[in-house]
Structures are given as structure tokens and as C-alpha cells.
Amino acid sequence: MVRVDLEPSPIMERALTCQHCWRMPRYFFHVTHKRYEPDLEGEELPDKHAAWHEATVTAGKILQGLDGKLTPDQGWRMEVTDEFQNTLYVLHIKAEKPK
């Protein structure tokens, strides 16, 4: 077996140390209920379909946690964005009094 020692090139070194090259995209889940609450941390997920799933699960948990505090004529909203702040999905819940 022949062993060849290669000098690492600057390109190879950058590729090996590049943290963002192989990471998953980050998605953000901004909520508006009485006031705007931006998601400053986000979550790494494989794709936008996984972000949709996470949005629906999280929205359900948040709405359950409101424990009756959603009142008529007051909306609840979740906006799902990618790491470039492109809006991918918007979930709306609106309580209304019948006329």
C-alpha cells in the first residue's frame, strides 16, 4: 500500500471547517396575539414540510395554553418564515361573535 501525504488546500480547509455547509435550514415561528412575539431563535428542520408540521403542532399547544383567553373579535396568528425571513405559511385563528 502506498501512502500519499497531501498538503491541505485552503479550499479543503474551508470546506472541512464550514459550519453552515451541512446544516439544516432554520425556520422561525412568529406569533401575534395581543402583541407581536417574534421567534428570535428559530428551529433547524429538514425542509418546509417539516416546518409546516412543527407549526401545526406548536400552534395547537399554544392555543391550548391560552386556556380560554382567546376572546371574540381577537385574532391569533402564526407566521412561519425561513432563515431569509421569507414567509412560507400563515396560520390564522379568529374568534367572532355571530351577528
C-alpha atoms as a PDB file:
ATOM      1  CA  MET A   1       0.000   0.000   0.000  1.00  0.00           C
ATOM      2  CA  VAL A   2       1.331   3.387  -0.969  1.00  0.00           C
ATOM      3  CA  ARG A   3       0.718   6.283   1.369  1.00  0.00           C
ATOM      4  CA  VAL A   4       0.462   9.774  -0.070  1.00  0.00           C
ATOM      5  CA  ASP A   5       0.513  12.797   2.219  1.00  0.00           C
ATOM      6  CA  LEU A   6      -1.206  15.745   0.615  1.00  0.00           C
ATOM      7  CA  GLU A   7      -0.928  19.282   1.780  1.00  0.00           C
ATOM      8  CA  PRO A   8      -4.409  20.537   2.639  1.00  0.00           C
ATOM      9  CA  SER A   9      -5.508  23.268   0.269  1.00  0.00           C
ATOM     10  CA  PRO A  10      -7.196  26.436   1.566  1.00  0.00           C
ATOM     11  CA  ILE A  11     -10.407  25.369  -0.170  1.00  0.00           C
ATOM     12  CA  MET A  12     -10.356  21.957   1.505  1.00  0.00           C
ATOM     13  CA  GLU A  13      -9.635  23.520   4.901  1.00  0.00           C
ATOM     14  CA  ARG A  14     -12.593  25.905   4.496  1.00  0.00           C
ATOM     15  CA  ALA A  15     -14.845  23.041   3.437  1.00  0.00           C
ATOM     16  CA  LEU A  16     -13.855  20.979   6.460  1.00  0.00           C
ATOM     17  CA  THR A  17     -14.398  23.835   8.908  1.00  0.00           C
ATOM     18  CA  CYS A  18     -17.503  25.266   7.262  1.00  0.00           C
ATOM     19  CA  GLN A  19     -20.266  25.045   9.860  1.00  0.00           C
ATOM     20  CA  HIS A  20     -23.102  26.169   7.621  1.00  0.00           C
ATOM     21  CA  CYS A  21     -22.289  23.886   4.693  1.00  0.00           C
ATOM     22  CA  TRP A  22     -24.036  20.803   6.060  1.00  0.00           C
ATOM     23  CA  ARG A  23     -26.559  22.185   8.499  1.00  0.00           C
ATOM     24  CA  MET A  24     -30.311  22.102   8.127  1.00  0.00           C
ATOM     25  CA  PRO A  25     -32.231  25.274   7.296  1.00  0.00           C
ATOM     26  CA  ARG A  26     -33.642  27.315  10.179  1.00  0.00           C
ATOM     27  CA  TYR A  27     -37.327  28.219  10.412  1.00  0.00           C
ATOM     28  CA  PHE A  28     -38.992  30.823  12.632  1.00  0.00           C
ATOM     29  CA  PHE A  29     -42.469  30.797  14.157  1.00  0.00           C
ATOM     30  CA  HIS A  30     -43.633  34.367  14.896  1.00  0.00           C
ATOM     31  CA  VAL A  31     -46.853  34.662  16.921  1.00  0.00           C
ATOM     32  CA  THR A  32     -49.253  37.578  17.213  1.00  0.00           C
ATOM     33  CA  HIS A  33     -51.844  37.510  19.995  1.00  0.00           C
ATOM     34  CA  LYS A  34     -52.499  40.826  21.734  1.00  0.00           C
ATOM     35  CA  ARG A  35     -48.922  41.704  20.734  1.00  0.00           C
ATOM     36  CA  TYR A  36     -46.303  40.544  18.246  1.00  0.00           C
ATOM     37  CA  GLU A  37     -43.906  37.935  19.648  1.00  0.00           C
ATOM     38  CA  PRO A  38     -41.059  37.242  17.218  1.00  0.00           C
ATOM     39  CA  ASP A  39     -39.242  33.932  17.323  1.00  0.00           C
ATOM     40  CA  LEU A  40     -35.632  35.064  17.605  1.00  0.00           C
ATOM     41  CA  GLU A  41     -34.130  31.581  17.919  1.00  0.00           C
ATOM     42  CA  GLY A  42     -35.951  29.514  15.319  1.00  0.00           C
ATOM     43  CA  GLU A  43     -35.529  25.813  14.816  1.00  0.00           C
ATOM     44  CA  GLU A  44     -33.429  23.757  12.430  1.00  0.00           C
ATOM     45  CA  LEU A  45     -35.635  21.434  10.423  1.00  0.00           C
ATOM     46  CA  PRO A  46     -35.042  19.339   7.305  1.00  0.00           C
ATOM     47  CA  ASP A  47     -37.410  21.234   4.997  1.00  0.00           C
ATOM     48  CA  LYS A  48     -40.513  23.429   4.711  1.00  0.00           C
ATOM     49  CA  HIS A  49     -42.793  20.403   5.071  1.00  0.00           C
ATOM     50  CA  ALA A  50     -41.274  19.686   8.462  1.00  0.00           C
ATOM     51  CA  ALA A  51     -41.708  23.391   9.302  1.00  0.00           C
ATOM     52  CA  TRP A  52     -45.424  23.109   8.453  1.00  0.00           C
ATOM     53  CA  HIS A  53     -45.772  20.065  10.704  1.00  0.00           C
ATOM     54  CA  GLU A  54     -43.955  21.860  13.528  1.00  0.00           C
ATOM     55  CA  ALA A  55     -46.148  24.947  13.033  1.00  0.00           C
ATOM     56  CA  THR A  56     -49.386  22.993  13.352  1.00  0.00           C
ATOM     57  CA  VAL A  57     -48.216  21.049  16.405  1.00  0.00           C
ATOM     58  CA  THR A  58     -46.854  24.181  18.082  1.00  0.00           C
ATOM     59  CA  ALA A  59     -49.954  26.228  17.234  1.00  0.00           C
ATOM     60  CA  GLY A  60     -52.133  23.575  18.854  1.00  0.00           C
ATOM     61  CA  LYS A  61     -50.052  23.619  22.015  1.00  0.00           C
ATOM     62  CA  ILE A  62     -50.037  27.424  22.191  1.00  0.00           C
ATOM     63  CA  LEU A  63     -53.793  27.676  21.637  1.00  0.00           C
ATOM     64  CA  GLN A  64     -54.394  25.038  24.293  1.00  0.00           C
ATOM     65  CA  GLY A  65     -52.163  27.025  26.640  1.00  0.00           C
ATOM     66  CA  LEU A  66     -54.296  30.153  26.156  1.00  0.00           C
ATOM     67  CA  ASP A  67     -56.790  28.372  28.397  1.00  0.00           C
ATOM     68  CA  GLY A  68     -59.856  30.306  27.292  1.00  0.00           C
ATOM     69  CA  LYS A  69     -58.112  33.665  26.850  1.00  0.00           C
ATOM     70  CA  LEU A  70     -58.915  33.941  23.140  1.00  0.00           C
ATOM     71  CA  THR A  71     -61.855  36.324  23.048  1.00  0.00           C
ATOM     72  CA  PRO A  72     -64.310  37.193  20.273  1.00  0.00           C
ATOM     73  CA  ASP A  73     -63.001  39.703  17.760  1.00  0.00           C
ATOM     74  CA  GLN A  74     -59.445  38.978  18.819  1.00  0.00           C
ATOM     75  CA  GLY A  75     -57.253  37.046  16.444  1.00  0.00           C
ATOM     76  CA  TRP A  76     -54.314  34.732  16.842  1.00  0.00           C
ATOM     77  CA  ARG A  77     -51.707  34.373  14.124  1.00  0.00           C
ATOM     78  CA  MET A  78     -48.533  32.399  13.476  1.00  0.00           C
ATOM     79  CA  GLU A  79     -46.236  33.298  10.608  1.00  0.00           C
ATOM     80  CA  VAL A  80     -43.652  30.731   9.561  1.00  0.00           C
ATOM     81  CA  THR A  81     -40.572  32.160   7.870  1.00  0.00           C
ATOM     82  CA  ASP A  82     -37.337  30.723   6.600  1.00  0.00           C
ATOM     83  CA  GLU A  83     -33.911  31.978   7.653  1.00  0.00           C
ATOM     84  CA  PHE A  84     -34.125  34.713   4.993  1.00  0.00           C
ATOM     85  CA  GLN A  85     -37.423  35.952   6.508  1.00  0.00           C
ATOM     86  CA  ASN A  86     -39.442  34.736   3.514  1.00  0.00           C
ATOM     87  CA  THR A  87     -42.969  33.945   4.685  1.00  0.00           C
ATOM     88  CA  LEU A  88     -43.798  30.304   3.982  1.00  0.00           C
ATOM     89  CA  TYR A  89     -47.062  29.831   5.871  1.00  0.00           C
ATOM     90  CA  VAL A  90     -49.512  31.856   7.934  1.00  0.00           C
ATOM     91  CA  LEU A  91     -51.970  30.272  10.349  1.00  0.00           C
ATOM     92  CA  HIS A  92     -54.937  32.418  11.428  1.00  0.00           C
ATOM     93  CA  ILE A  93     -57.410  31.780  14.236  1.00  0.00           C
ATOM     94  CA  LYS A  94     -60.167  34.341  14.583  1.00  0.00           C
ATOM     95  CA  ALA A  95     -62.959  34.275  17.114  1.00  0.00           C
ATOM     96  CA  GLU A  96     -66.102  36.156  16.094  1.00  0.00           C
ATOM     97  CA  LYS A  97     -69.483  36.818  17.655  1.00  0.00           C
ATOM     98  CA  PRO A  98     -72.349  35.908  15.318  1.00  0.00           C
ATOM     99  CA  LYS A  99     -74.412  38.893  14.211  1.00  0.00           C
END
